[in-house]
Amino acid sequence: IETMLELTDHYWRHWVRGLATPMEWQDAVIRAAIALKICQHEE
């Protein structure tokens, strides 16, 4: 589980790193983007 935590942390940080966020309100945009991402049923 500790390994899962580390790898899951890495996945999300890497995904967010690829977002072209605006200069202002980045925290709000990133949090909204992550929530939208988990609203997708990837299968």
PDB file of all heavy atoms in Angstrom:
ATOM      1  N   ILE A   1       0.829  -1.207   0.000  1.00  0.00           N
ATOM      2  CA  ILE A   1       0.000   0.000   0.000  1.00  0.00           C
ATOM      3  C   ILE A   1       0.864   1.258   0.000  1.00  0.00           C
ATOM      4  O   ILE A   1       0.544   2.247  -0.680  1.00  0.00           O
ATOM      5  CB  ILE A   1      -0.980  -0.028   1.191  1.00  0.00           C
ATOM      6  CG1 ILE A   1      -2.107  -1.024   0.890  1.00  0.00           C
ATOM      7  CG2 ILE A   1      -1.548   1.358   1.482  1.00  0.00           C
ATOM      8  CD1 ILE A   1      -3.122  -1.180   1.997  1.00  0.00           C
ATOM      9  N   GLU A   2       1.972   1.241   0.726  1.00  0.00           N
ATOM     10  CA  GLU A   2       2.873   2.401   0.694  1.00  0.00           C
ATOM     11  C   GLU A   2       3.432   2.604  -0.715  1.00  0.00           C
ATOM     12  O   GLU A   2       3.585   3.743  -1.178  1.00  0.00           O
ATOM     13  CB  GLU A   2       4.005   2.228   1.700  1.00  0.00           C
ATOM     14  CG  GLU A   2       3.557   2.236   3.169  1.00  0.00           C
ATOM     15  CD  GLU A   2       3.076   3.599   3.649  1.00  0.00           C
ATOM     16  OE1 GLU A   2       3.280   4.610   2.945  1.00  0.00           O
ATOM     17  OE2 GLU A   2       2.480   3.653   4.754  1.00  0.00           O
ATOM     18  N   THR A   3       3.704   1.514  -1.415  1.00  0.00           N
ATOM     19  CA  THR A   3       4.174   1.617  -2.801  1.00  0.00           C
ATOM     20  C   THR A   3       3.074   2.163  -3.699  1.00  0.00           C
ATOM     21  O   THR A   3       3.320   3.019  -4.569  1.00  0.00           O
ATOM     22  CB  THR A   3       4.641   0.246  -3.309  1.00  0.00           C
ATOM     23  OG1 THR A   3       5.701  -0.227  -2.486  1.00  0.00           O
ATOM     24  CG2 THR A   3       5.124   0.325  -4.750  1.00  0.00           C
ATOM     25  N   MET A   4       1.839   1.680  -3.488  1.00  0.00           N
ATOM     26  CA  MET A   4       0.703   2.202  -4.255  1.00  0.00           C
ATOM     27  C   MET A   4       0.541   3.700  -4.044  1.00  0.00           C
ATOM     28  O   MET A   4       0.265   4.457  -4.992  1.00  0.00           O
ATOM     29  CB  MET A   4      -0.585   1.497  -3.842  1.00  0.00           C
ATOM     30  CG  MET A   4      -0.717   0.060  -4.292  1.00  0.00           C
ATOM     31  SD  MET A   4      -2.296  -0.634  -3.701  1.00  0.00           S
ATOM     32  CE  MET A   4      -2.121  -2.332  -4.247  1.00  0.00           C
ATOM     33  N   LEU A   5       0.694   4.133  -2.802  1.00  0.00           N
ATOM     34  CA  LEU A   5       0.583   5.556  -2.489  1.00  0.00           C
ATOM     35  C   LEU A   5       1.620   6.360  -3.262  1.00  0.00           C
ATOM     36  O   LEU A   5       1.303   7.383  -3.882  1.00  0.00           O
ATOM     37  CB  LEU A   5       0.745   5.777  -0.987  1.00  0.00           C
ATOM     38  CG  LEU A   5       0.773   7.229  -0.512  1.00  0.00           C
ATOM     39  CD1 LEU A   5      -0.541   7.931  -0.797  1.00  0.00           C
ATOM     40  CD2 LEU A   5       1.109   7.292   0.979  1.00  0.00           C
ATOM     41  N   GLU A   6       2.839   5.906  -3.257  1.00  0.00           N
ATOM     42  CA  GLU A   6       3.929   6.618  -3.939  1.00  0.00           C
ATOM     43  C   GLU A   6       3.682   6.677  -5.443  1.00  0.00           C
ATOM     44  O   GLU A   6       3.851   7.730  -6.067  1.00  0.00           O
ATOM     45  CB  GLU A   6       5.253   5.913  -3.653  1.00  0.00           C
ATOM     46  CG  GLU A   6       6.453   6.576  -4.306  1.00  0.00           C
ATOM     47  CD  GLU A   6       7.749   5.839  -4.014  1.00  0.00           C
ATOM     48  OE1 GLU A   6       7.733   4.921  -3.168  1.00  0.00           O
ATOM     49  OE2 GLU A   6       8.772   6.176  -4.632  1.00  0.00           O
ATOM     50  N   LEU A   7       3.263   5.559  -6.023  1.00  0.00           N
ATOM     51  CA  LEU A   7       3.057   5.513  -7.467  1.00  0.00           C
ATOM     52  C   LEU A   7       1.826   6.323  -7.890  1.00  0.00           C
ATOM     53  O   LEU A   7       1.817   6.960  -8.947  1.00  0.00           O
ATOM     54  CB  LEU A   7       2.923   4.062  -7.938  1.00  0.00           C
ATOM     55  CG  LEU A   7       4.187   3.209  -7.813  1.00  0.00           C
ATOM     56  CD1 LEU A   7       3.896   1.756  -8.166  1.00  0.00           C
ATOM     57  CD2 LEU A   7       5.300   3.763  -8.705  1.00  0.00           C
ATOM     58  N   THR A   8       0.772   6.289  -7.063  1.00  0.00           N
ATOM     59  CA  THR A   8      -0.423   7.084  -7.363  1.00  0.00           C
ATOM     60  C   THR A   8      -0.120   8.573  -7.273  1.00  0.00           C
ATOM     61  O   THR A   8      -0.561   9.371  -8.112  1.00  0.00           O
ATOM     62  CB  THR A   8      -1.574   6.711  -6.406  1.00  0.00           C
ATOM     63  OG1 THR A   8      -1.868   5.319  -6.550  1.00  0.00           O
ATOM     64  CG2 THR A   8      -2.820   7.522  -6.693  1.00  0.00           C
ATOM     65  N   ASP A   9       0.656   8.951  -6.264  1.00  0.00           N
ATOM     66  CA  ASP A   9       1.105  10.332  -6.131  1.00  0.00           C
ATOM     67  C   ASP A   9       1.872  10.763  -7.381  1.00  0.00           C
ATOM     68  O   ASP A   9       1.637  11.843  -7.938  1.00  0.00           O
ATOM     69  CB  ASP A   9       1.977  10.473  -4.885  1.00  0.00           C
ATOM     70  CG  ASP A   9       2.517  11.880  -4.707  1.00  0.00           C
ATOM     71  OD1 ASP A   9       1.839  12.691  -4.062  1.00  0.00           O
ATOM     72  OD2 ASP A   9       3.615  12.172  -5.223  1.00  0.00           O
ATOM     73  N   HIS A  10       2.770   9.911  -7.841  1.00  0.00           N
ATOM     74  CA  HIS A  10       3.570  10.232  -9.029  1.00  0.00           C
ATOM     75  C   HIS A  10       2.677  10.374 -10.258  1.00  0.00           C
ATOM     76  O   HIS A  10       2.866  11.288 -11.075  1.00  0.00           O
ATOM     77  CB  HIS A  10       4.622   9.147  -9.264  1.00  0.00           C
ATOM     78  CG  HIS A  10       5.405   9.349 -10.534  1.00  0.00           C
ATOM     79  ND1 HIS A  10       6.407  10.282 -10.656  1.00  0.00           N
ATOM     80  CD2 HIS A  10       5.299   8.740 -11.747  1.00  0.00           C
ATOM     81  CE1 HIS A  10       6.903  10.245 -11.881  1.00  0.00           C
ATOM     82  NE2 HIS A  10       6.247   9.318 -12.558  1.00  0.00           N
ATOM     83  N   TYR A  11       1.698   9.464 -10.407  1.00  0.00           N
ATOM     84  CA  TYR A  11       0.817   9.540 -11.572  1.00  0.00           C
ATOM     85  C   TYR A  11       0.138  10.902 -11.642  1.00  0.00           C
ATOM     86  O   TYR A  11       0.152  11.570 -12.680  1.00  0.00           O
ATOM     87  CB  TYR A  11      -0.251   8.436 -11.554  1.00  0.00           C
ATOM     88  CG  TYR A  11      -1.318   8.735 -12.582  1.00  0.00           C
ATOM     89  CD1 TYR A  11      -1.111   8.411 -13.918  1.00  0.00           C
ATOM     90  CD2 TYR A  11      -2.477   9.445 -12.237  1.00  0.00           C
ATOM     91  CE1 TYR A  11      -2.037   8.762 -14.884  1.00  0.00           C
ATOM     92  CE2 TYR A  11      -3.408   9.796 -13.201  1.00  0.00           C
ATOM     93  CZ  TYR A  11      -3.191   9.456 -14.518  1.00  0.00           C
ATOM     94  OH  TYR A  11      -4.098   9.827 -15.477  1.00  0.00           O
ATOM     95  N   TRP A  12      -0.501  11.305 -10.531  1.00  0.00           N
ATOM     96  CA  TRP A  12      -1.267  12.544 -10.573  1.00  0.00           C
ATOM     97  C   TRP A  12      -0.366  13.757 -10.770  1.00  0.00           C
ATOM     98  O   TRP A  12      -0.711  14.673 -11.533  1.00  0.00           O
ATOM     99  CB  TRP A  12      -2.101  12.698  -9.303  1.00  0.00           C
ATOM    100  CG  TRP A  12      -3.305  11.812  -9.301  1.00  0.00           C
ATOM    101  CD1 TRP A  12      -3.556  10.749  -8.493  1.00  0.00           C
ATOM    102  CD2 TRP A  12      -4.438  11.925 -10.168  1.00  0.00           C
ATOM    103  NE1 TRP A  12      -4.770  10.174  -8.803  1.00  0.00           N
ATOM    104  CE2 TRP A  12      -5.332  10.877  -9.828  1.00  0.00           C
ATOM    105  CE3 TRP A  12      -4.786  12.799 -11.207  1.00  0.00           C
ATOM    106  CZ2 TRP A  12      -6.551  10.689 -10.493  1.00  0.00           C
ATOM    107  CZ3 TRP A  12      -6.008  12.614 -11.863  1.00  0.00           C
ATOM    108  CH2 TRP A  12      -6.855  11.568 -11.504  1.00  0.00           C
ATOM    109  N   ARG A  13       0.775  13.795 -10.121  1.00  0.00           N
ATOM    110  CA  ARG A  13       1.679  14.940 -10.312  1.00  0.00           C
ATOM    111  C   ARG A  13       2.145  15.036 -11.758  1.00  0.00           C
ATOM    112  O   ARG A  13       2.273  16.125 -12.323  1.00  0.00           O
ATOM    113  CB  ARG A  13       2.875  14.831  -9.367  1.00  0.00           C
ATOM    114  CG  ARG A  13       2.531  15.096  -7.900  1.00  0.00           C
ATOM    115  CD  ARG A  13       3.760  14.882  -7.022  1.00  0.00           C
ATOM    116  NE  ARG A  13       3.451  15.026  -5.611  1.00  0.00           N
ATOM    117  CZ  ARG A  13       3.604  16.164  -4.933  1.00  0.00           C
ATOM    118  NH1 ARG A  13       4.035  17.241  -5.545  1.00  0.00           N
ATOM    119  NH2 ARG A  13       3.311  16.211  -3.651  1.00  0.00           N
ATOM    120  N   HIS A  14       2.417  13.883 -12.350  1.00  0.00           N
ATOM    121  CA  HIS A  14       2.858  13.854 -13.750  1.00  0.00           C
ATOM    122  C   HIS A  14       1.732  14.322 -14.665  1.00  0.00           C
ATOM    123  O   HIS A  14       1.966  15.078 -15.622  1.00  0.00           O
ATOM    124  CB  HIS A  14       3.302  12.435 -14.116  1.00  0.00           C
ATOM    125  CG  HIS A  14       3.818  12.317 -15.521  1.00  0.00           C
ATOM    126  ND1 HIS A  14       5.065  12.774 -15.898  1.00  0.00           N
ATOM    127  CD2 HIS A  14       3.244  11.798 -16.648  1.00  0.00           C
ATOM    128  CE1 HIS A  14       5.236  12.542 -17.187  1.00  0.00           C
ATOM    129  NE2 HIS A  14       4.160  11.956 -17.658  1.00  0.00           N
ATOM    130  N   TRP A  15       0.491  13.889 -14.389  1.00  0.00           N
ATOM    131  CA  TRP A  15      -0.635  14.317 -15.225  1.00  0.00           C
ATOM    132  C   TRP A  15      -0.848  15.819 -15.127  1.00  0.00           C
ATOM    133  O   TRP A  15      -1.021  16.500 -16.146  1.00  0.00           O
ATOM    134  CB  TRP A  15      -1.907  13.569 -14.790  1.00  0.00           C
ATOM    135  CG  TRP A  15      -3.085  13.827 -15.677  1.00  0.00           C
ATOM    136  CD1 TRP A  15      -3.332  13.259 -16.892  1.00  0.00           C
ATOM    137  CD2 TRP A  15      -4.172  14.734 -15.427  1.00  0.00           C
ATOM    138  NE1 TRP A  15      -4.511  13.747 -17.418  1.00  0.00           N
ATOM    139  CE2 TRP A  15      -5.052  14.648 -16.542  1.00  0.00           C
ATOM    140  CE3 TRP A  15      -4.495  15.590 -14.381  1.00  0.00           C
ATOM    141  CZ2 TRP A  15      -6.216  15.402 -16.625  1.00  0.00           C
ATOM    142  CZ3 TRP A  15      -5.666  16.337 -14.469  1.00  0.00           C
ATOM    143  CH2 TRP A  15      -6.508  16.239 -15.577  1.00  0.00           C
ATOM    144  N   VAL A  16      -0.813  16.348 -13.919  1.00  0.00           N
ATOM    145  CA  VAL A  16      -1.008  17.791 -13.742  1.00  0.00           C
ATOM    146  C   VAL A  16       0.119  18.583 -14.402  1.00  0.00           C
ATOM    147  O   VAL A  16      -0.111  19.665 -14.959  1.00  0.00           O
ATOM    148  CB  VAL A  16      -1.110  18.133 -12.236  1.00  0.00           C
ATOM    149  CG1 VAL A  16      -1.019  19.637 -12.000  1.00  0.00           C
ATOM    150  CG2 VAL A  16      -2.417  17.586 -11.661  1.00  0.00           C
ATOM    151  N   ARG A  17       1.319  18.035 -14.379  1.00  0.00           N
ATOM    152  CA  ARG A  17       2.479  18.720 -14.981  1.00  0.00           C
ATOM    153  C   ARG A  17       2.263  18.998 -16.468  1.00  0.00           C
ATOM    154  O   ARG A  17       2.817  19.938 -17.024  1.00  0.00           O
ATOM    155  CB  ARG A  17       3.726  17.860 -14.780  1.00  0.00           C
ATOM    156  CG  ARG A  17       5.036  18.501 -15.181  1.00  0.00           C
ATOM    157  CD  ARG A  17       6.192  17.647 -14.703  1.00  0.00           C
ATOM    158  NE  ARG A  17       7.480  18.181 -15.116  1.00  0.00           N
ATOM    159  CZ  ARG A  17       8.120  17.796 -16.217  1.00  0.00           C
ATOM    160  NH1 ARG A  17       7.593  16.866 -17.004  1.00  0.00           N
ATOM    161  NH2 ARG A  17       9.297  18.321 -16.537  1.00  0.00           N
ATOM    162  N   GLY A  18       1.422  18.183 -17.111  1.00  0.00           N
ATOM    163  CA  GLY A  18       1.160  18.366 -18.534  1.00  0.00           C
ATOM    164  C   GLY A  18       0.047  19.344 -18.853  1.00  0.00           C
ATOM    165  O   GLY A  18      -0.242  19.586 -20.031  1.00  0.00           O
ATOM    166  N   LEU A  19      -0.587  19.931 -17.822  1.00  0.00           N
ATOM    167  CA  LEU A  19      -1.682  20.862 -18.064  1.00  0.00           C
ATOM    168  C   LEU A  19      -1.161  22.259 -18.381  1.00  0.00           C
ATOM    169  O   LEU A  19      -0.236  22.753 -17.729  1.00  0.00           O
ATOM    170  CB  LEU A  19      -2.600  20.944 -16.836  1.00  0.00           C
ATOM    171  CG  LEU A  19      -3.300  19.659 -16.396  1.00  0.00           C
ATOM    172  CD1 LEU A  19      -4.149  19.929 -15.161  1.00  0.00           C
ATOM    173  CD2 LEU A  19      -4.147  19.075 -17.514  1.00  0.00           C
ATOM    174  N   ALA A  20      -1.774  22.894 -19.364  1.00  0.00           N
ATOM    175  CA  ALA A  20      -1.421  24.270 -19.719  1.00  0.00           C
ATOM    176  C   ALA A  20      -2.340  25.207 -18.937  1.00  0.00           C
ATOM    177  O   ALA A  20      -3.354  25.688 -19.443  1.00  0.00           O
ATOM    178  CB  ALA A  20      -1.576  24.488 -21.218  1.00  0.00           C
ATOM    179  N   THR A  21      -1.995  25.463 -17.686  1.00  0.00           N
ATOM    180  CA  THR A  21      -2.850  26.255 -16.814  1.00  0.00           C
ATOM    181  C   THR A  21      -2.666  27.748 -17.060  1.00  0.00           C
ATOM    182  O   THR A  21      -1.601  28.184 -17.498  1.00  0.00           O
ATOM    183  CB  THR A  21      -2.548  25.963 -15.333  1.00  0.00           C
ATOM    184  OG1 THR A  21      -1.175  26.243 -15.090  1.00  0.00           O
ATOM    185  CG2 THR A  21      -2.827  24.509 -15.006  1.00  0.00           C
ATOM    186  N   PRO A  22      -3.684  28.555 -16.757  1.00  0.00           N
ATOM    187  CA  PRO A  22      -3.504  30.005 -16.818  1.00  0.00           C
ATOM    188  C   PRO A  22      -2.580  30.465 -15.683  1.00  0.00           C
ATOM    189  O   PRO A  22      -2.320  29.718 -14.742  1.00  0.00           O
ATOM    190  CB  PRO A  22      -4.917  30.546 -16.639  1.00  0.00           C
ATOM    191  CG  PRO A  22      -5.624  29.479 -15.863  1.00  0.00           C
ATOM    192  CD  PRO A  22      -5.036  28.182 -16.328  1.00  0.00           C
ATOM    193  N   MET A  23      -2.116  31.698 -15.768  1.00  0.00           N
ATOM    194  CA  MET A  23      -1.193  32.197 -14.756  1.00  0.00           C
ATOM    195  C   MET A  23      -1.895  32.402 -13.414  1.00  0.00           C
ATOM    196  O   MET A  23      -1.365  32.060 -12.368  1.00  0.00           O
ATOM    197  CB  MET A  23      -0.574  33.518 -15.229  1.00  0.00           C
ATOM    198  CG  MET A  23       0.673  33.947 -14.432  1.00  0.00           C
ATOM    199  SD  MET A  23       0.314  34.772 -12.868  1.00  0.00           S
ATOM    200  CE  MET A  23      -0.268  36.352 -13.479  1.00  0.00           C
ATOM    201  N   GLU A  24      -3.128  32.923 -13.450  1.00  0.00           N
ATOM    202  CA  GLU A  24      -3.888  33.141 -12.223  1.00  0.00           C
ATOM    203  C   GLU A  24      -4.797  31.949 -11.938  1.00  0.00           C
ATOM    204  O   GLU A  24      -5.162  31.192 -12.828  1.00  0.00           O
ATOM    205  CB  GLU A  24      -4.741  34.406 -12.354  1.00  0.00           C
ATOM    206  CG  GLU A  24      -3.929  35.695 -12.471  1.00  0.00           C
ATOM    207  CD  GLU A  24      -4.824  36.908 -12.500  1.00  0.00           C
ATOM    208  OE1 GLU A  24      -5.260  37.281 -13.609  1.00  0.00           O
ATOM    209  OE2 GLU A  24      -5.108  37.468 -11.423  1.00  0.00           O
ATOM    210  N   TRP A  25      -5.134  31.819 -10.662  1.00  0.00           N
ATOM    211  CA  TRP A  25      -6.100  30.819 -10.210  1.00  0.00           C
ATOM    212  C   TRP A  25      -5.676  29.384 -10.542  1.00  0.00           C
ATOM    213  O   TRP A  25      -6.512  28.518 -10.810  1.00  0.00           O
ATOM    214  CB  TRP A  25      -7.489  31.104 -10.793  1.00  0.00           C
ATOM    215  CG  TRP A  25      -7.982  32.471 -10.488  1.00  0.00           C
ATOM    216  CD1 TRP A  25      -8.240  33.026  -9.260  1.00  0.00           C
ATOM    217  CD2 TRP A  25      -8.304  33.506 -11.448  1.00  0.00           C
ATOM    218  NE1 TRP A  25      -8.689  34.311  -9.391  1.00  0.00           N
ATOM    219  CE2 TRP A  25      -8.737  34.641 -10.716  1.00  0.00           C
ATOM    220  CE3 TRP A  25      -8.255  33.566 -12.839  1.00  0.00           C
ATOM    221  CZ2 TRP A  25      -9.131  35.817 -11.346  1.00  0.00           C
ATOM    222  CZ3 TRP A  25      -8.636  34.739 -13.459  1.00  0.00           C
ATOM    223  CH2 TRP A  25      -9.064  35.849 -12.719  1.00  0.00           C
ATOM    224  N   GLN A  26      -4.384  29.124 -10.490  1.00  0.00           N
ATOM    225  CA  GLN A  26      -3.921  27.788 -10.873  1.00  0.00           C
ATOM    226  C   GLN A  26      -4.448  26.707  -9.937  1.00  0.00           C
ATOM    227  O   GLN A  26      -4.822  25.613 -10.396  1.00  0.00           O
ATOM    228  CB  GLN A  26      -2.391  27.754 -10.888  1.00  0.00           C
ATOM    229  CG  GLN A  26      -1.783  28.529 -12.039  1.00  0.00           C
ATOM    230  CD  GLN A  26      -0.277  28.418 -12.039  1.00  0.00           C
ATOM    231  OE1 GLN A  26       0.279  27.325 -12.139  1.00  0.00           O
ATOM    232  NE2 GLN A  26       0.393  29.553 -11.911  1.00  0.00           N
ATOM    233  N   ASP A  27      -4.477  26.977  -8.642  1.00  0.00           N
ATOM    234  CA  ASP A  27      -4.970  25.969  -7.698  1.00  0.00           C
ATOM    235  C   ASP A  27      -6.404  25.572  -8.020  1.00  0.00           C
ATOM    236  O   ASP A  27      -6.759  24.383  -8.001  1.00  0.00           O
ATOM    237  CB  ASP A  27      -4.886  26.493  -6.259  1.00  0.00           C
ATOM    238  CG  ASP A  27      -3.463  26.573  -5.748  1.00  0.00           C
ATOM    239  OD1 ASP A  27      -2.579  25.955  -6.380  1.00  0.00           O
ATOM    240  OD2 ASP A  27      -3.232  27.244  -4.732  1.00  0.00           O
ATOM    241  N   ALA A  28      -7.234  26.570  -8.327  1.00  0.00           N
ATOM    242  CA  ALA A  28      -8.640  26.294  -8.636  1.00  0.00           C
ATOM    243  C   ALA A  28      -8.765  25.472  -9.915  1.00  0.00           C
ATOM    244  O   ALA A  28      -9.571  24.530  -9.987  1.00  0.00           O
ATOM    245  CB  ALA A  28      -9.413  27.610  -8.774  1.00  0.00           C
ATOM    246  N   VAL A  29      -7.980  25.817 -10.915  1.00  0.00           N
ATOM    247  CA  VAL A  29      -8.038  25.116 -12.196  1.00  0.00           C
ATOM    248  C   VAL A  29      -7.547  23.681 -12.054  1.00  0.00           C
ATOM    249  O   VAL A  29      -8.164  22.737 -12.570  1.00  0.00           O
ATOM    250  CB  VAL A  29      -7.217  25.876 -13.253  1.00  0.00           C
ATOM    251  CG1 VAL A  29      -7.031  25.033 -14.516  1.00  0.00           C
ATOM    252  CG2 VAL A  29      -7.901  27.197 -13.601  1.00  0.00           C
ATOM    253  N   ILE A  30      -6.451  23.488 -11.344  1.00  0.00           N
ATOM    254  CA  ILE A  30      -5.900  22.139 -11.175  1.00  0.00           C
ATOM    255  C   ILE A  30      -6.865  21.245 -10.416  1.00  0.00           C
ATOM    256  O   ILE A  30      -7.093  20.089 -10.789  1.00  0.00           O
ATOM    257  CB  ILE A  30      -4.531  22.212 -10.467  1.00  0.00           C
ATOM    258  CG1 ILE A  30      -3.484  22.795 -11.419  1.00  0.00           C
ATOM    259  CG2 ILE A  30      -4.088  20.833  -9.970  1.00  0.00           C
ATOM    260  CD1 ILE A  30      -2.170  23.148 -10.756  1.00  0.00           C
ATOM    261  N   ARG A  31      -7.461  21.775  -9.362  1.00  0.00           N
ATOM    262  CA  ARG A  31      -8.389  20.962  -8.584  1.00  0.00           C
ATOM    263  C   ARG A  31      -9.618  20.600  -9.415  1.00  0.00           C
ATOM    264  O   ARG A  31     -10.107  19.463  -9.367  1.00  0.00           O
ATOM    265  CB  ARG A  31      -8.799  21.716  -7.311  1.00  0.00           C
ATOM    266  CG  ARG A  31      -9.581  20.911  -6.308  1.00  0.00           C
ATOM    267  CD  ARG A  31      -8.990  19.567  -5.984  1.00  0.00           C
ATOM    268  NE  ARG A  31      -7.594  19.594  -5.591  1.00  0.00           N
ATOM    269  CZ  ARG A  31      -6.807  18.543  -5.629  1.00  0.00           C
ATOM    270  NH1 ARG A  31      -7.274  17.369  -6.071  1.00  0.00           N
ATOM    271  NH2 ARG A  31      -5.550  18.637  -5.251  1.00  0.00           N
ATOM    272  N   ALA A  32     -10.125  21.555 -10.209  1.00  0.00           N
ATOM    273  CA  ALA A  32     -11.265  21.265 -11.083  1.00  0.00           C
ATOM    274  C   ALA A  32     -10.892  20.238 -12.145  1.00  0.00           C
ATOM    275  O   ALA A  32     -11.678  19.337 -12.458  1.00  0.00           O
ATOM    276  CB  ALA A  32     -11.764  22.552 -11.739  1.00  0.00           C
ATOM    277  N   ALA A  33      -9.696  20.355 -12.690  1.00  0.00           N
ATOM    278  CA  ALA A  33      -9.260  19.432 -13.745  1.00  0.00           C
ATOM    279  C   ALA A  33      -9.132  18.009 -13.219  1.00  0.00           C
ATOM    280  O   ALA A  33      -9.535  17.042 -13.879  1.00  0.00           O
ATOM    281  CB  ALA A  33      -7.938  19.903 -14.337  1.00  0.00           C
ATOM    282  N   ILE A  34      -8.569  17.846 -12.029  1.00  0.00           N
ATOM    283  CA  ILE A  34      -8.444  16.505 -11.441  1.00  0.00           C
ATOM    284  C   ILE A  34      -9.821  15.900 -11.203  1.00  0.00           C
ATOM    285  O   ILE A  34     -10.061  14.716 -11.493  1.00  0.00           O
ATOM    286  CB  ILE A  34      -7.631  16.559 -10.131  1.00  0.00           C
ATOM    287  CG1 ILE A  34      -6.156  16.870 -10.430  1.00  0.00           C
ATOM    288  CG2 ILE A  34      -7.739  15.243  -9.370  1.00  0.00           C
ATOM    289  CD1 ILE A  34      -5.313  17.095  -9.192  1.00  0.00           C
ATOM    290  N   ALA A  35     -10.753  16.714 -10.699  1.00  0.00           N
ATOM    291  CA  ALA A  35     -12.106  16.205 -10.460  1.00  0.00           C
ATOM    292  C   ALA A  35     -12.776  15.791 -11.765  1.00  0.00           C
ATOM    293  O   ALA A  35     -13.457  14.759 -11.830  1.00  0.00           O
ATOM    294  CB  ALA A  35     -12.940  17.256  -9.733  1.00  0.00           C
ATOM    295  N   LEU A  36     -12.593  16.582 -12.820  1.00  0.00           N
ATOM    296  CA  LEU A  36     -13.156  16.206 -14.119  1.00  0.00           C
ATOM    297  C   LEU A  36     -12.536  14.908 -14.621  1.00  0.00           C
ATOM    298  O   LEU A  36     -13.225  14.060 -15.199  1.00  0.00           O
ATOM    299  CB  LEU A  36     -12.934  17.316 -15.145  1.00  0.00           C
ATOM    300  CG  LEU A  36     -13.769  18.583 -14.976  1.00  0.00           C
ATOM    301  CD1 LEU A  36     -13.409  19.599 -16.045  1.00  0.00           C
ATOM    302  CD2 LEU A  36     -15.259  18.273 -15.037  1.00  0.00           C
ATOM    303  N   LYS A  37     -11.248  14.760 -14.407  1.00  0.00           N
ATOM    304  CA  LYS A  37     -10.561  13.541 -14.844  1.00  0.00           C
ATOM    305  C   LYS A  37     -11.162  12.307 -14.181  1.00  0.00           C
ATOM    306  O   LYS A  37     -11.409  11.287 -14.850  1.00  0.00           O
ATOM    307  CB  LYS A  37      -9.073  13.658 -14.512  1.00  0.00           C
ATOM    308  CG  LYS A  37      -8.256  12.381 -14.724  1.00  0.00           C
ATOM    309  CD  LYS A  37      -8.046  12.060 -16.169  1.00  0.00           C
ATOM    310  CE  LYS A  37      -7.055  10.898 -16.320  1.00  0.00           C
ATOM    311  NZ  LYS A  37      -6.988  10.442 -17.723  1.00  0.00           N
ATOM    312  N   ILE A  38     -11.437  12.359 -12.887  1.00  0.00           N
ATOM    313  CA  ILE A  38     -11.956  11.167 -12.215  1.00  0.00           C
ATOM    314  C   ILE A  38     -13.446  10.974 -12.478  1.00  0.00           C
ATOM    315  O   ILE A  38     -14.007   9.953 -12.081  1.00  0.00           O
ATOM    316  CB  ILE A  38     -11.658  11.157 -10.697  1.00  0.00           C
ATOM    317  CG1 ILE A  38     -12.386  12.269  -9.961  1.00  0.00           C
ATOM    318  CG2 ILE A  38     -10.167  11.210 -10.435  1.00  0.00           C
ATOM    319  CD1 ILE A  38     -12.203  12.208  -8.448  1.00  0.00           C
ATOM    320  N   CYS A  39     -14.079  11.932 -13.166  1.00  0.00           N
ATOM    321  CA  CYS A  39     -15.456  11.732 -13.615  1.00  0.00           C
ATOM    322  C   CYS A  39     -15.505  10.932 -14.920  1.00  0.00           C
ATOM    323  O   CYS A  39     -16.605  10.642 -15.415  1.00  0.00           O
ATOM    324  CB  CYS A  39     -16.168  13.070 -13.808  1.00  0.00           C
ATOM    325  SG  CYS A  39     -16.688  13.851 -12.252  1.00  0.00           S
ATOM    326  N   GLN A  40     -14.351  10.608 -15.476  1.00  0.00           N
ATOM    327  CA  GLN A  40     -14.326   9.764 -16.679  1.00  0.00           C
ATOM    328  C   GLN A  40     -14.188   8.301 -16.295  1.00  0.00           C
ATOM    329  O   GLN A  40     -13.357   7.938 -15.459  1.00  0.00           O
ATOM    330  CB  GLN A  40     -13.178  10.155 -17.608  1.00  0.00           C
ATOM    331  CG  GLN A  40     -13.140   9.309 -18.885  1.00  0.00           C
ATOM    332  CD  GLN A  40     -12.218   9.867 -19.951  1.00  0.00           C
ATOM    333  OE1 GLN A  40     -11.031  10.048 -19.721  1.00  0.00           O
ATOM    334  NE2 GLN A  40     -12.772  10.142 -21.128  1.00  0.00           N
ATOM    335  N   HIS A  41     -15.019   7.458 -16.905  1.00  0.00           N
ATOM    336  CA  HIS A  41     -14.902   6.006 -16.739  1.00  0.00           C
ATOM    337  C   HIS A  41     -13.953   5.536 -17.835  1.00  0.00           C
ATOM    338  O   HIS A  41     -14.337   5.380 -18.991  1.00  0.00           O
ATOM    339  CB  HIS A  41     -16.262   5.343 -16.861  1.00  0.00           C
ATOM    340  CG  HIS A  41     -16.234   3.874 -16.577  1.00  0.00           C
ATOM    341  ND1 HIS A  41     -15.983   3.364 -15.322  1.00  0.00           N
ATOM    342  CD2 HIS A  41     -16.397   2.802 -17.392  1.00  0.00           C
ATOM    343  CE1 HIS A  41     -16.017   2.042 -15.375  1.00  0.00           C
ATOM    344  NE2 HIS A  41     -16.260   1.679 -16.618  1.00  0.00           N
ATOM    345  N   GLU A  42     -12.706   5.329 -17.465  1.00  0.00           N
ATOM    346  CA  GLU A  42     -11.653   5.160 -18.464  1.00  0.00           C
ATOM    347  C   GLU A  42     -11.839   3.921 -19.333  1.00  0.00           C
ATOM    348  O   GLU A  42     -11.427   3.904 -20.491  1.00  0.00           O
ATOM    349  CB  GLU A  42     -10.294   5.100 -17.768  1.00  0.00           C
ATOM    350  CG  GLU A  42      -9.129   5.177 -18.714  1.00  0.00           C
ATOM    351  CD  GLU A  42      -7.821   5.393 -17.971  1.00  0.00           C
ATOM    352  OE1 GLU A  42      -7.386   4.469 -17.270  1.00  0.00           O
ATOM    353  OE2 GLU A  42      -7.261   6.500 -18.094  1.00  0.00           O
ATOM    354  N   GLU A  43     -12.447   2.895 -18.799  1.00  0.00           N
ATOM    355  CA  GLU A  43     -12.637   1.655 -19.558  1.00  0.00           C
ATOM    356  C   GLU A  43     -13.328   1.917 -20.894  1.00  0.00           C
ATOM    357  O   GLU A  43     -12.982   1.322 -21.917  1.00  0.00           O
ATOM    358  CB  GLU A  43     -13.447   0.663 -18.727  1.00  0.00           C
ATOM    359  CG  GLU A  43     -13.680  -0.675 -19.410  1.00  0.00           C
ATOM    360  CD  GLU A  43     -14.510  -1.618 -18.564  1.00  0.00           C
ATOM    361  OE1 GLU A  43     -14.936  -1.220 -17.452  1.00  0.00           O
ATOM    362  OE2 GLU A  43     -14.741  -2.748 -19.017  1.00  0.00           O
TER     363      GLU A  43
END
